Amino acid sequence: MKSWLITGCAGSGKSSVAALMLKQFPMSGCFFSADLAAAEQMKTVTIIGRLVAAFGTQALQISGEINRQWLREVVLPDAALRKQLEEILHPPVLAALEVARSDASRSGMNLFLAEVPLHYEIGSTVSADFVIVVASSRSVQVRRMMETRGLDEQTVHKFLEAQWPIEAKVERADAVIWNDGSLASLEAQVLTLASPLLQA
């Protein structure tokens, strides 16, 4: 089984690339999303308790659920607060990734595809046979995040500045997918990467 990892900066289109890649492996590909795993962790009593202990009840919505928008707007742009958040969330998310990878291997999958947005920021701790960086221009990232997440431009820039520059990630990648253009262009790039594995 091949283990591939998709990373990049916010708003670059990582999830779109992952979805297109999995279309090439409808019966033999397994997908893990670190973002979805983190969202699931934030529903658990243990993690909710730890987040409230770290950030106070302002981290909660009236419903008692974690206020993820507040985390995005207040915690992520602040280096010290972000470090606290990462220390709470990253260990269980990375543990869940390895469980998913092990399950995929036992199930006879050809491809384990993990989307880990902060792969480089956390020290490249997730092993992979192949690392794909999805990149796009800063202006496109800002527009996408404003449209999809409802954030104002200032918040988006703070969010992006909390991550490694895309240029640094591109330098370390095994392959780069540039996602500023059309869906057809994106599909063609994904197919080019997937073809050798499909023929193996």
N, C-alpha and C. Protein backbone atom coordinates (compact mmCIF):
# COMPACT_ATOMS: atom_id res chain seq x y z
N MET A 1 0.84 -1.20 0.00
CA MET A 1 0.00 0.00 0.00
C MET A 1 0.88 1.25 0.00
N LYS A 2 0.54 2.18 -0.87
CA LYS A 2 1.21 3.46 -0.90
C LYS A 2 0.55 4.42 0.09
N SER A 3 1.38 5.20 0.78
CA SER A 3 0.88 6.24 1.68
C SER A 3 1.25 7.59 1.11
N TRP A 4 0.24 8.32 0.65
CA TRP A 4 0.46 9.65 0.09
C TRP A 4 -0.13 10.69 1.02
N LEU A 5 0.48 11.85 1.04
CA LEU A 5 0.03 12.93 1.92
C LEU A 5 -0.19 14.19 1.10
N ILE A 6 -1.31 14.85 1.35
CA ILE A 6 -1.63 16.12 0.70
C ILE A 6 -1.56 17.22 1.74
N THR A 7 -0.83 18.29 1.42
CA THR A 7 -0.73 19.42 2.32
C THR A 7 -0.70 20.69 1.48
N GLY A 8 -0.50 21.81 2.13
CA GLY A 8 -0.52 23.10 1.43
C GLY A 8 -0.99 24.16 2.40
N CYS A 9 -1.37 25.30 1.89
CA CYS A 9 -1.87 26.38 2.75
C CYS A 9 -3.38 26.46 2.67
N ALA A 10 -3.98 27.14 3.63
CA ALA A 10 -5.43 27.30 3.65
C ALA A 10 -5.90 27.98 2.36
N GLY A 11 -7.00 27.49 1.82
CA GLY A 11 -7.55 28.09 0.61
C GLY A 11 -6.88 27.67 -0.68
N SER A 12 -5.97 26.71 -0.60
CA SER A 12 -5.28 26.28 -1.82
C SER A 12 -6.04 25.20 -2.59
N GLY A 13 -7.00 24.56 -1.93
CA GLY A 13 -7.80 23.55 -2.63
C GLY A 13 -7.37 22.13 -2.34
N LYS A 14 -6.84 21.87 -1.16
CA LYS A 14 -6.37 20.53 -0.80
C LYS A 14 -7.48 19.49 -0.84
N SER A 15 -8.64 19.86 -0.31
CA SER A 15 -9.75 18.92 -0.27
C SER A 15 -10.25 18.58 -1.67
N SER A 16 -10.23 19.55 -2.56
CA SER A 16 -10.64 19.30 -3.95
C SER A 16 -9.69 18.31 -4.62
N VAL A 17 -8.40 18.47 -4.37
CA VAL A 17 -7.41 17.55 -4.93
C VAL A 17 -7.61 16.15 -4.35
N ALA A 18 -7.84 16.07 -3.05
CA ALA A 18 -8.05 14.76 -2.42
C ALA A 18 -9.26 14.06 -3.02
N ALA A 19 -10.36 14.80 -3.23
CA ALA A 19 -11.57 14.21 -3.79
C ALA A 19 -11.32 13.70 -5.21
N LEU A 20 -10.60 14.50 -6.00
CA LEU A 20 -10.30 14.08 -7.37
C LEU A 20 -9.38 12.87 -7.39
N MET A 21 -8.43 12.84 -6.47
CA MET A 21 -7.51 11.71 -6.40
C MET A 21 -8.26 10.42 -6.05
N LEU A 22 -9.17 10.50 -5.10
CA LEU A 22 -9.90 9.32 -4.67
C LEU A 22 -10.82 8.79 -5.76
N LYS A 23 -11.26 9.65 -6.68
CA LYS A 23 -12.07 9.19 -7.80
C LYS A 23 -11.30 8.20 -8.67
N GLN A 24 -9.99 8.32 -8.64
CA GLN A 24 -9.15 7.41 -9.43
C GLN A 24 -9.02 6.04 -8.75
N PHE A 25 -9.37 5.98 -7.46
CA PHE A 25 -9.24 4.74 -6.70
C PHE A 25 -10.55 4.44 -5.95
N PRO A 26 -11.65 4.30 -6.70
CA PRO A 26 -12.96 4.18 -6.04
C PRO A 26 -13.10 2.95 -5.14
N MET A 27 -12.38 1.89 -5.44
CA MET A 27 -12.52 0.66 -4.66
C MET A 27 -11.28 0.33 -3.84
N SER A 28 -10.18 1.05 -4.07
CA SER A 28 -8.93 0.64 -3.41
C SER A 28 -8.19 1.80 -2.76
N GLY A 29 -8.91 2.90 -2.51
CA GLY A 29 -8.29 4.05 -1.86
C GLY A 29 -8.97 4.38 -0.55
N CYS A 30 -8.19 4.80 0.43
CA CYS A 30 -8.71 5.17 1.74
C CYS A 30 -8.25 6.58 2.06
N PHE A 31 -9.15 7.40 2.59
CA PHE A 31 -8.85 8.81 2.83
C PHE A 31 -8.96 9.15 4.31
N PHE A 32 -8.01 9.96 4.78
CA PHE A 32 -8.04 10.47 6.15
C PHE A 32 -7.86 11.98 6.10
N SER A 33 -8.74 12.71 6.78
CA SER A 33 -8.64 14.17 6.85
C SER A 33 -8.31 14.58 8.27
N ALA A 34 -7.17 15.25 8.45
CA ALA A 34 -6.80 15.73 9.77
C ALA A 34 -7.80 16.77 10.28
N ASP A 35 -8.32 17.58 9.38
CA ASP A 35 -9.30 18.60 9.78
C ASP A 35 -10.58 17.95 10.29
N LEU A 36 -11.06 16.92 9.58
CA LEU A 36 -12.27 16.23 10.02
C LEU A 36 -12.04 15.50 11.34
N ALA A 37 -10.85 14.93 11.47
CA ALA A 37 -10.52 14.24 12.72
C ALA A 37 -10.47 15.22 13.89
N ALA A 38 -9.92 16.40 13.64
CA ALA A 38 -9.88 17.42 14.69
C ALA A 38 -11.29 17.86 15.08
N ALA A 39 -12.16 17.99 14.08
CA ALA A 39 -13.55 18.36 14.35
C ALA A 39 -14.23 17.30 15.20
N GLU A 40 -13.95 16.03 14.93
CA GLU A 40 -14.53 14.95 15.73
C GLU A 40 -14.00 14.98 17.15
N GLN A 41 -12.70 15.26 17.28
CA GLN A 41 -12.11 15.33 18.61
C GLN A 41 -12.76 16.44 19.44
N MET A 42 -13.11 17.54 18.79
CA MET A 42 -13.69 18.67 19.50
C MET A 42 -15.13 18.42 19.95
N LYS A 43 -15.66 17.25 19.61
CA LYS A 43 -16.98 16.85 20.10
C LYS A 43 -16.89 15.96 21.33
N THR A 44 -15.67 15.52 21.66
CA THR A 44 -15.51 14.61 22.79
C THR A 44 -15.44 15.38 24.10
N VAL A 45 -15.94 14.75 25.15
CA VAL A 45 -15.96 15.39 26.46
C VAL A 45 -14.55 15.75 26.92
N THR A 46 -13.61 14.85 26.68
CA THR A 46 -12.23 15.07 27.13
C THR A 46 -11.62 16.32 26.48
N ILE A 47 -11.74 16.43 25.17
CA ILE A 47 -11.14 17.56 24.46
C ILE A 47 -11.88 18.85 24.76
N ILE A 48 -13.20 18.79 24.86
CA ILE A 48 -13.96 20.00 25.22
C ILE A 48 -13.49 20.52 26.57
N GLY A 49 -13.31 19.61 27.51
CA GLY A 49 -12.84 20.00 28.84
C GLY A 49 -11.47 20.64 28.80
N ARG A 50 -10.58 20.08 28.01
CA ARG A 50 -9.23 20.62 27.93
C ARG A 50 -9.21 21.99 27.25
N LEU A 51 -10.04 22.16 26.23
CA LEU A 51 -10.10 23.44 25.53
C LEU A 51 -10.68 24.53 26.43
N VAL A 52 -11.70 24.18 27.20
CA VAL A 52 -12.28 25.16 28.13
C VAL A 52 -11.28 25.51 29.22
N ALA A 53 -10.53 24.51 29.67
CA ALA A 53 -9.51 24.77 30.69
C ALA A 53 -8.43 25.70 30.15
N ALA A 54 -8.12 25.57 28.86
CA ALA A 54 -7.06 26.39 28.26
C ALA A 54 -7.53 27.79 27.89
N PHE A 55 -8.77 27.90 27.37
CA PHE A 55 -9.22 29.17 26.79
C PHE A 55 -10.43 29.79 27.47
N GLY A 56 -11.02 29.09 28.42
CA GLY A 56 -12.19 29.62 29.11
C GLY A 56 -13.47 29.29 28.38
N THR A 57 -14.58 29.67 28.97
CA THR A 57 -15.89 29.35 28.41
C THR A 57 -16.17 30.10 27.11
N GLN A 58 -15.36 31.09 26.79
CA GLN A 58 -15.53 31.79 25.52
C GLN A 58 -15.25 30.86 24.34
N ALA A 59 -14.62 29.74 24.61
CA ALA A 59 -14.38 28.76 23.56
C ALA A 59 -15.62 27.93 23.25
N LEU A 60 -16.69 28.15 24.02
CA LEU A 60 -17.92 27.38 23.84
C LEU A 60 -19.02 28.23 23.21
N GLN A 61 -19.87 27.56 22.43
CA GLN A 61 -21.09 28.17 21.97
C GLN A 61 -22.16 27.99 23.06
N ILE A 62 -23.28 28.64 22.91
CA ILE A 62 -24.36 28.50 23.87
C ILE A 62 -24.81 27.04 23.97
N SER A 63 -24.71 26.32 22.86
CA SER A 63 -25.12 24.91 22.82
C SER A 63 -24.20 24.00 23.63
N GLY A 64 -23.03 24.53 24.02
CA GLY A 64 -22.06 23.71 24.72
C GLY A 64 -21.01 23.10 23.81
N GLU A 65 -21.18 23.30 22.49
CA GLU A 65 -20.19 22.83 21.54
C GLU A 65 -19.04 23.83 21.43
N ILE A 66 -17.90 23.36 20.94
CA ILE A 66 -16.76 24.24 20.76
C ILE A 66 -17.07 25.27 19.68
N ASN A 67 -16.71 26.51 19.95
CA ASN A 67 -16.92 27.60 18.99
C ASN A 67 -15.72 27.64 18.05
N ARG A 68 -15.81 26.92 16.96
CA ARG A 68 -14.68 26.79 16.04
C ARG A 68 -14.38 28.12 15.34
N GLN A 69 -15.39 28.93 15.10
CA GLN A 69 -15.15 30.23 14.49
C GLN A 69 -14.31 31.10 15.42
N TRP A 70 -14.60 31.06 16.71
CA TRP A 70 -13.82 31.82 17.68
C TRP A 70 -12.37 31.33 17.71
N LEU A 71 -12.19 30.02 17.62
CA LEU A 71 -10.82 29.48 17.58
C LEU A 71 -10.09 29.99 16.34
N ARG A 72 -10.77 30.00 15.19
CA ARG A 72 -10.14 30.47 13.95
C ARG A 72 -9.76 31.94 14.03
N GLU A 73 -10.66 32.73 14.59
CA GLU A 73 -10.46 34.18 14.56
C GLU A 73 -9.57 34.70 15.70
N VAL A 74 -9.56 34.01 16.83
CA VAL A 74 -8.84 34.52 18.00
C VAL A 74 -7.61 33.68 18.33
N VAL A 75 -7.75 32.37 18.32
CA VAL A 75 -6.66 31.51 18.77
C VAL A 75 -5.61 31.27 17.68
N LEU A 76 -6.05 30.93 16.49
CA LEU A 76 -5.09 30.57 15.44
C LEU A 76 -4.12 31.69 15.07
N PRO A 77 -4.56 32.95 15.02
CA PRO A 77 -3.59 34.00 14.66
C PRO A 77 -2.58 34.32 15.76
N ASP A 78 -2.82 33.86 16.98
CA ASP A 78 -1.94 34.15 18.12
C ASP A 78 -1.01 32.96 18.34
N ALA A 79 0.28 33.17 18.19
CA ALA A 79 1.25 32.06 18.24
C ALA A 79 1.19 31.28 19.55
N ALA A 80 1.10 31.97 20.66
CA ALA A 80 1.09 31.30 21.97
C ALA A 80 -0.19 30.49 22.16
N LEU A 81 -1.33 31.10 21.82
CA LEU A 81 -2.60 30.40 21.95
C LEU A 81 -2.69 29.22 20.97
N ARG A 82 -2.18 29.45 19.76
CA ARG A 82 -2.21 28.38 18.76
C ARG A 82 -1.39 27.18 19.23
N LYS A 83 -0.26 27.42 19.88
CA LYS A 83 0.57 26.33 20.38
C LYS A 83 -0.20 25.51 21.42
N GLN A 84 -0.96 26.19 22.29
CA GLN A 84 -1.77 25.49 23.27
C GLN A 84 -2.81 24.60 22.58
N LEU A 85 -3.46 25.17 21.56
CA LEU A 85 -4.47 24.42 20.82
C LEU A 85 -3.86 23.18 20.16
N GLU A 86 -2.71 23.37 19.54
CA GLU A 86 -2.05 22.26 18.85
C GLU A 86 -1.63 21.16 19.83
N GLU A 87 -1.17 21.55 21.01
CA GLU A 87 -0.76 20.55 22.00
C GLU A 87 -1.94 19.71 22.48
N ILE A 88 -3.13 20.27 22.40
CA ILE A 88 -4.33 19.54 22.80
C ILE A 88 -4.83 18.64 21.67
N LEU A 89 -4.86 19.17 20.45
CA LEU A 89 -5.50 18.47 19.34
C LEU A 89 -4.59 17.53 18.55
N HIS A 90 -3.34 17.92 18.36
CA HIS A 90 -2.50 17.14 17.46
C HIS A 90 -2.27 15.70 17.89
N PRO A 91 -1.95 15.41 19.15
CA PRO A 91 -1.70 14.00 19.52
C PRO A 91 -2.86 13.06 19.20
N PRO A 92 -4.11 13.37 19.58
CA PRO A 92 -5.19 12.43 19.24
C PRO A 92 -5.47 12.35 17.74
N VAL A 93 -5.28 13.45 17.03
CA VAL A 93 -5.51 13.43 15.58
C VAL A 93 -4.46 12.56 14.89
N LEU A 94 -3.20 12.71 15.27
CA LEU A 94 -2.14 11.90 14.67
C LEU A 94 -2.30 10.43 15.03
N ALA A 95 -2.77 10.16 16.23
CA ALA A 95 -3.03 8.77 16.63
C ALA A 95 -4.15 8.17 15.77
N ALA A 96 -5.18 8.97 15.52
CA ALA A 96 -6.29 8.50 14.68
C ALA A 96 -5.82 8.24 13.25
N LEU A 97 -4.90 9.06 12.76
CA LEU A 97 -4.35 8.86 11.42
C LEU A 97 -3.65 7.50 11.32
N GLU A 98 -2.86 7.17 12.31
CA GLU A 98 -2.13 5.90 12.25
C GLU A 98 -3.07 4.71 12.37
N VAL A 99 -4.13 4.85 13.14
CA VAL A 99 -5.13 3.78 13.22
C VAL A 99 -5.79 3.58 11.86
N ALA A 100 -6.14 4.69 11.21
CA ALA A 100 -6.77 4.62 9.89
C ALA A 100 -5.83 4.01 8.86
N ARG A 101 -4.55 4.35 8.94
CA ARG A 101 -3.57 3.79 8.00
C ARG A 101 -3.43 2.28 8.20
N SER A 102 -3.38 1.88 9.46
CA SER A 102 -3.27 0.45 9.77
C SER A 102 -4.50 -0.31 9.28
N ASP A 103 -5.67 0.26 9.49
CA ASP A 103 -6.90 -0.38 9.02
C ASP A 103 -6.91 -0.50 7.50
N ALA A 104 -6.44 0.53 6.81
CA ALA A 104 -6.41 0.52 5.35
C ALA A 104 -5.47 -0.57 4.84
N SER A 105 -4.34 -0.72 5.50
CA SER A 105 -3.37 -1.74 5.10
C SER A 105 -3.95 -3.15 5.28
N ARG A 106 -4.61 -3.37 6.41
CA ARG A 106 -5.21 -4.68 6.66
C ARG A 106 -6.33 -4.98 5.69
N SER A 107 -6.98 -3.93 5.20
CA SER A 107 -8.10 -4.11 4.27
C SER A 107 -7.65 -4.29 2.83
N GLY A 108 -6.36 -4.24 2.58
CA GLY A 108 -5.83 -4.45 1.24
C GLY A 108 -5.96 -3.26 0.31
N MET A 109 -6.02 -2.06 0.86
CA MET A 109 -6.10 -0.86 0.03
C MET A 109 -4.80 -0.64 -0.76
N ASN A 110 -4.92 -0.06 -1.94
CA ASN A 110 -3.74 0.28 -2.73
C ASN A 110 -3.15 1.62 -2.33
N LEU A 111 -4.03 2.51 -1.84
CA LEU A 111 -3.60 3.87 -1.53
C LEU A 111 -4.22 4.36 -0.23
N PHE A 112 -3.38 4.86 0.66
CA PHE A 112 -3.84 5.58 1.84
C PHE A 112 -3.48 7.03 1.61
N LEU A 113 -4.51 7.87 1.53
CA LEU A 113 -4.33 9.29 1.22
C LEU A 113 -4.71 10.12 2.44
N ALA A 114 -3.77 10.86 2.97
CA ALA A 114 -4.02 11.67 4.16
C ALA A 114 -3.87 13.15 3.82
N GLU A 115 -4.88 13.92 4.20
CA GLU A 115 -4.81 15.37 4.05
C GLU A 115 -4.41 15.96 5.39
N VAL A 116 -3.19 16.50 5.46
CA VAL A 116 -2.65 17.03 6.71
C VAL A 116 -2.18 18.46 6.44
N PRO A 117 -3.04 19.45 6.63
CA PRO A 117 -2.70 20.83 6.27
C PRO A 117 -1.43 21.36 6.93
N LEU A 118 -1.17 20.97 8.17
CA LEU A 118 -0.01 21.51 8.90
C LEU A 118 1.15 20.52 8.95
N HIS A 119 1.28 19.72 7.92
CA HIS A 119 2.33 18.70 7.90
C HIS A 119 3.72 19.27 8.20
N TYR A 120 4.08 20.34 7.54
CA TYR A 120 5.41 20.92 7.75
C TYR A 120 5.49 21.70 9.06
N GLU A 121 4.40 22.36 9.42
CA GLU A 121 4.40 23.14 10.66
C GLU A 121 4.61 22.26 11.88
N ILE A 122 4.14 21.01 11.82
CA ILE A 122 4.30 20.11 12.97
C ILE A 122 5.54 19.24 12.85
N GLY A 123 6.44 19.63 11.96
CA GLY A 123 7.72 18.94 11.88
C GLY A 123 7.74 17.71 11.01
N SER A 124 6.84 17.63 10.04
CA SER A 124 6.78 16.49 9.12
C SER A 124 6.73 15.17 9.89
N THR A 125 5.93 15.12 10.94
CA THR A 125 5.89 13.94 11.79
C THR A 125 5.08 12.79 11.20
N VAL A 126 4.32 13.05 10.15
CA VAL A 126 3.54 11.99 9.51
C VAL A 126 4.38 11.39 8.38
N SER A 127 4.65 10.11 8.48
CA SER A 127 5.44 9.46 7.43
C SER A 127 4.60 9.28 6.18
N ALA A 128 5.24 9.36 5.04
CA ALA A 128 4.54 9.20 3.77
C ALA A 128 5.53 8.81 2.69
N ASP A 129 5.04 8.05 1.71
CA ASP A 129 5.88 7.70 0.57
C ASP A 129 6.02 8.88 -0.39
N PHE A 130 5.02 9.76 -0.36
CA PHE A 130 4.95 10.81 -1.37
C PHE A 130 4.16 11.98 -0.79
N VAL A 131 4.75 13.18 -0.84
CA VAL A 131 4.07 14.37 -0.30
C VAL A 131 3.71 15.31 -1.44
N ILE A 132 2.43 15.61 -1.53
CA ILE A 132 1.92 16.51 -2.56
C ILE A 132 1.54 17.84 -1.91
N VAL A 133 2.09 18.92 -2.42
CA VAL A 133 1.71 20.24 -1.94
C VAL A 133 0.77 20.87 -2.97
N VAL A 134 -0.39 21.29 -2.49
CA VAL A 134 -1.34 22.01 -3.34
C VAL A 134 -1.12 23.50 -3.10
N ALA A 135 -0.81 24.22 -4.16
CA ALA A 135 -0.43 25.63 -4.04
C ALA A 135 -1.32 26.52 -4.89
N SER A 136 -1.47 27.75 -4.44
CA SER A 136 -2.17 28.75 -5.23
C SER A 136 -1.67 30.12 -4.81
N SER A 137 -1.98 31.14 -5.59
CA SER A 137 -1.51 32.48 -5.28
C SER A 137 -2.22 33.02 -4.04
N ARG A 138 -1.57 33.96 -3.37
CA ARG A 138 -2.13 34.52 -2.14
C ARG A 138 -3.51 35.14 -2.38
N SER A 139 -3.66 35.84 -3.48
CA SER A 139 -4.94 36.50 -3.76
C SER A 139 -6.07 35.48 -3.90
N VAL A 140 -5.77 34.35 -4.51
CA VAL A 140 -6.78 33.30 -4.67
C VAL A 140 -7.11 32.67 -3.32
N GLN A 141 -6.09 32.43 -2.51
CA GLN A 141 -6.31 31.89 -1.17
C GLN A 141 -7.24 32.81 -0.37
N VAL A 142 -6.94 34.10 -0.40
CA VAL A 142 -7.75 35.06 0.37
C VAL A 142 -9.19 35.05 -0.11
N ARG A 143 -9.38 35.09 -1.42
CA ARG A 143 -10.75 35.11 -1.96
C ARG A 143 -11.51 33.85 -1.57
N ARG A 144 -10.87 32.70 -1.70
CA ARG A 144 -11.56 31.45 -1.37
C ARG A 144 -11.94 31.39 0.10
N MET A 145 -11.03 31.82 0.97
CA MET A 145 -11.33 31.75 2.40
C MET A 145 -12.42 32.73 2.81
N MET A 146 -12.45 33.88 2.17
CA MET A 146 -13.51 34.83 2.46
C MET A 146 -14.86 34.28 1.99
N GLU A 147 -14.85 33.61 0.85
CA GLU A 147 -16.10 33.08 0.29
C GLU A 147 -16.58 31.84 1.04
N THR A 148 -15.67 30.93 1.36
CA THR A 148 -16.08 29.65 1.94
C THR A 148 -16.20 29.66 3.46
N ARG A 149 -15.43 30.53 4.11
CA ARG A 149 -15.45 30.53 5.57
C ARG A 149 -16.09 31.78 6.18
N GLY A 150 -16.44 32.72 5.31
CA GLY A 150 -17.11 33.91 5.80
C GLY A 150 -16.23 34.81 6.65
N LEU A 151 -14.91 34.76 6.42
CA LEU A 151 -13.98 35.57 7.21
C LEU A 151 -13.72 36.90 6.51
N ASP A 152 -13.39 37.92 7.29
CA ASP A 152 -13.01 39.19 6.68
C ASP A 152 -11.55 39.11 6.23
N GLU A 153 -11.15 40.03 5.38
CA GLU A 153 -9.82 39.94 4.76
C GLU A 153 -8.69 40.01 5.80
N GLN A 154 -8.84 40.85 6.81
CA GLN A 154 -7.80 40.97 7.82
C GLN A 154 -7.61 39.67 8.57
N THR A 155 -8.70 39.01 8.92
CA THR A 155 -8.62 37.73 9.63
C THR A 155 -7.97 36.67 8.75
N VAL A 156 -8.31 36.67 7.47
CA VAL A 156 -7.73 35.70 6.55
C VAL A 156 -6.21 35.86 6.49
N HIS A 157 -5.74 37.10 6.37
CA HIS A 157 -4.30 37.32 6.30
C HIS A 157 -3.61 36.86 7.59
N LYS A 158 -4.21 37.09 8.73
CA LYS A 158 -3.65 36.62 10.00
C LYS A 158 -3.59 35.10 10.02
N PHE A 159 -4.64 34.49 9.52
CA PHE A 159 -4.71 33.03 9.45
C PHE A 159 -3.58 32.48 8.59
N LEU A 160 -3.40 33.08 7.41
CA LEU A 160 -2.37 32.60 6.49
C LEU A 160 -0.96 32.86 7.02
N GLU A 161 -0.78 33.97 7.70
CA GLU A 161 0.54 34.29 8.25
C GLU A 161 0.93 33.36 9.39
N ALA A 162 -0.04 32.66 9.96
CA ALA A 162 0.24 31.69 11.03
C ALA A 162 0.79 30.39 10.46
N GLN A 163 0.70 30.21 9.13
CA GLN A 163 1.21 29.00 8.49
C GLN A 163 2.53 29.30 7.77
N TRP A 164 3.22 28.22 7.43
CA TRP A 164 4.43 28.40 6.63
C TRP A 164 4.07 29.03 5.29
N PRO A 165 4.95 29.84 4.73
CA PRO A 165 4.72 30.36 3.37
C PRO A 165 4.62 29.21 2.38
N ILE A 166 3.77 29.35 1.42
CA ILE A 166 3.59 28.27 0.46
C ILE A 166 4.88 27.96 -0.28
N GLU A 167 5.74 28.97 -0.48
CA GLU A 167 7.01 28.75 -1.17
C GLU A 167 7.88 27.75 -0.42
N ALA A 168 7.87 27.82 0.92
CA ALA A 168 8.67 26.90 1.73
C ALA A 168 8.14 25.48 1.62
N LYS A 169 6.84 25.34 1.51
CA LYS A 169 6.25 24.01 1.38
C LYS A 169 6.53 23.43 0.00
N VAL A 170 6.45 24.28 -1.01
CA VAL A 170 6.72 23.84 -2.38
C VAL A 170 8.14 23.30 -2.49
N GLU A 171 9.09 23.95 -1.85
CA GLU A 171 10.49 23.52 -1.91
C GLU A 171 10.69 22.12 -1.36
N ARG A 172 9.86 21.71 -0.41
CA ARG A 172 10.03 20.42 0.25
C ARG A 172 9.15 19.32 -0.34
N ALA A 173 8.30 19.66 -1.27
CA ALA A 173 7.33 18.71 -1.81
C ALA A 173 7.97 17.70 -2.76
N ASP A 174 7.35 16.52 -2.83
CA ASP A 174 7.71 15.55 -3.87
C ASP A 174 7.02 15.92 -5.18
N ALA A 175 5.85 16.53 -5.07
CA ALA A 175 5.12 16.99 -6.25
C ALA A 175 4.28 18.20 -5.85
N VAL A 176 4.05 19.08 -6.81
CA VAL A 176 3.26 20.29 -6.57
C VAL A 176 2.11 20.34 -7.56
N ILE A 177 0.93 20.61 -7.04
CA ILE A 177 -0.24 20.86 -7.89
C ILE A 177 -0.59 22.33 -7.75
N TRP A 178 -0.60 23.05 -8.86
CA TRP A 178 -0.89 24.48 -8.83
C TRP A 178 -2.38 24.66 -9.12
N ASN A 179 -3.08 25.25 -8.18
CA ASN A 179 -4.53 25.32 -8.27
C ASN A 179 -5.04 26.76 -8.31
N ASP A 180 -4.68 27.46 -9.37
CA ASP A 180 -5.21 28.80 -9.61
C ASP A 180 -6.16 28.81 -10.80
N GLY A 181 -6.16 27.71 -11.54
CA GLY A 181 -6.89 27.70 -12.81
C GLY A 181 -8.22 26.99 -12.76
N SER A 182 -8.55 26.34 -13.86
CA SER A 182 -9.85 25.70 -14.02
C SER A 182 -9.88 24.32 -13.38
N LEU A 183 -11.09 23.80 -13.22
CA LEU A 183 -11.25 22.44 -12.70
C LEU A 183 -10.62 21.43 -13.65
N ALA A 184 -10.72 21.68 -14.95
CA ALA A 184 -10.13 20.77 -15.94
C ALA A 184 -8.62 20.70 -15.76
N SER A 185 -7.99 21.84 -15.49
CA SER A 185 -6.54 21.86 -15.26
C SER A 185 -6.19 21.08 -14.00
N LEU A 186 -7.01 21.24 -12.97
CA LEU A 186 -6.76 20.52 -11.72
C LEU A 186 -6.91 19.02 -11.92
N GLU A 187 -7.94 18.62 -12.63
CA GLU A 187 -8.17 17.20 -12.90
C GLU A 187 -7.02 16.59 -13.69
N ALA A 188 -6.50 17.33 -14.66
CA ALA A 188 -5.39 16.83 -15.47
C ALA A 188 -4.14 16.61 -14.62
N GLN A 189 -3.86 17.53 -13.72
CA GLN A 189 -2.69 17.39 -12.85
C GLN A 189 -2.84 16.19 -11.92
N VAL A 190 -4.04 16.00 -11.39
CA VAL A 190 -4.28 14.87 -10.50
C VAL A 190 -4.11 13.54 -11.26
N LEU A 191 -4.66 13.47 -12.44
CA LEU A 191 -4.56 12.25 -13.24
C LEU A 191 -3.10 11.93 -13.57
N THR A 192 -2.31 12.96 -13.85
CA THR A 192 -0.89 12.76 -14.15
C THR A 192 -0.17 12.13 -12.95
N LEU A 193 -0.52 12.57 -11.75
CA LEU A 193 0.10 12.00 -10.55
C LEU A 193 -0.39 10.59 -10.27
N ALA A 194 -1.68 10.37 -10.49
CA ALA A 194 -2.28 9.08 -10.14
C ALA A 194 -1.94 7.98 -11.13
N SER A 195 -1.69 8.33 -12.38
CA SER A 195 -1.50 7.33 -13.44
C SER A 195 -0.46 6.26 -13.13
N PRO A 196 0.75 6.62 -12.67
CA PRO A 196 1.74 5.57 -12.39
C PRO A 196 1.25 4.55 -11.35
N LEU A 197 0.54 5.01 -10.34
CA LEU A 197 0.04 4.10 -9.31
C LEU A 197 -1.09 3.25 -9.86
N LEU A 198 -1.92 3.81 -10.73
CA LEU A 198 -3.00 3.06 -11.34
C LEU A 198 -2.46 1.93 -12.23
N GLN A 199 -1.30 2.17 -12.83
CA GLN A 199 -0.74 1.18 -13.74
C GLN A 199 0.14 0.16 -13.04
N ALA A 200 0.43 0.41 -11.76
CA ALA A 200 1.32 -0.49 -11.01
C ALA A 200 0.67 -1.84 -10.75
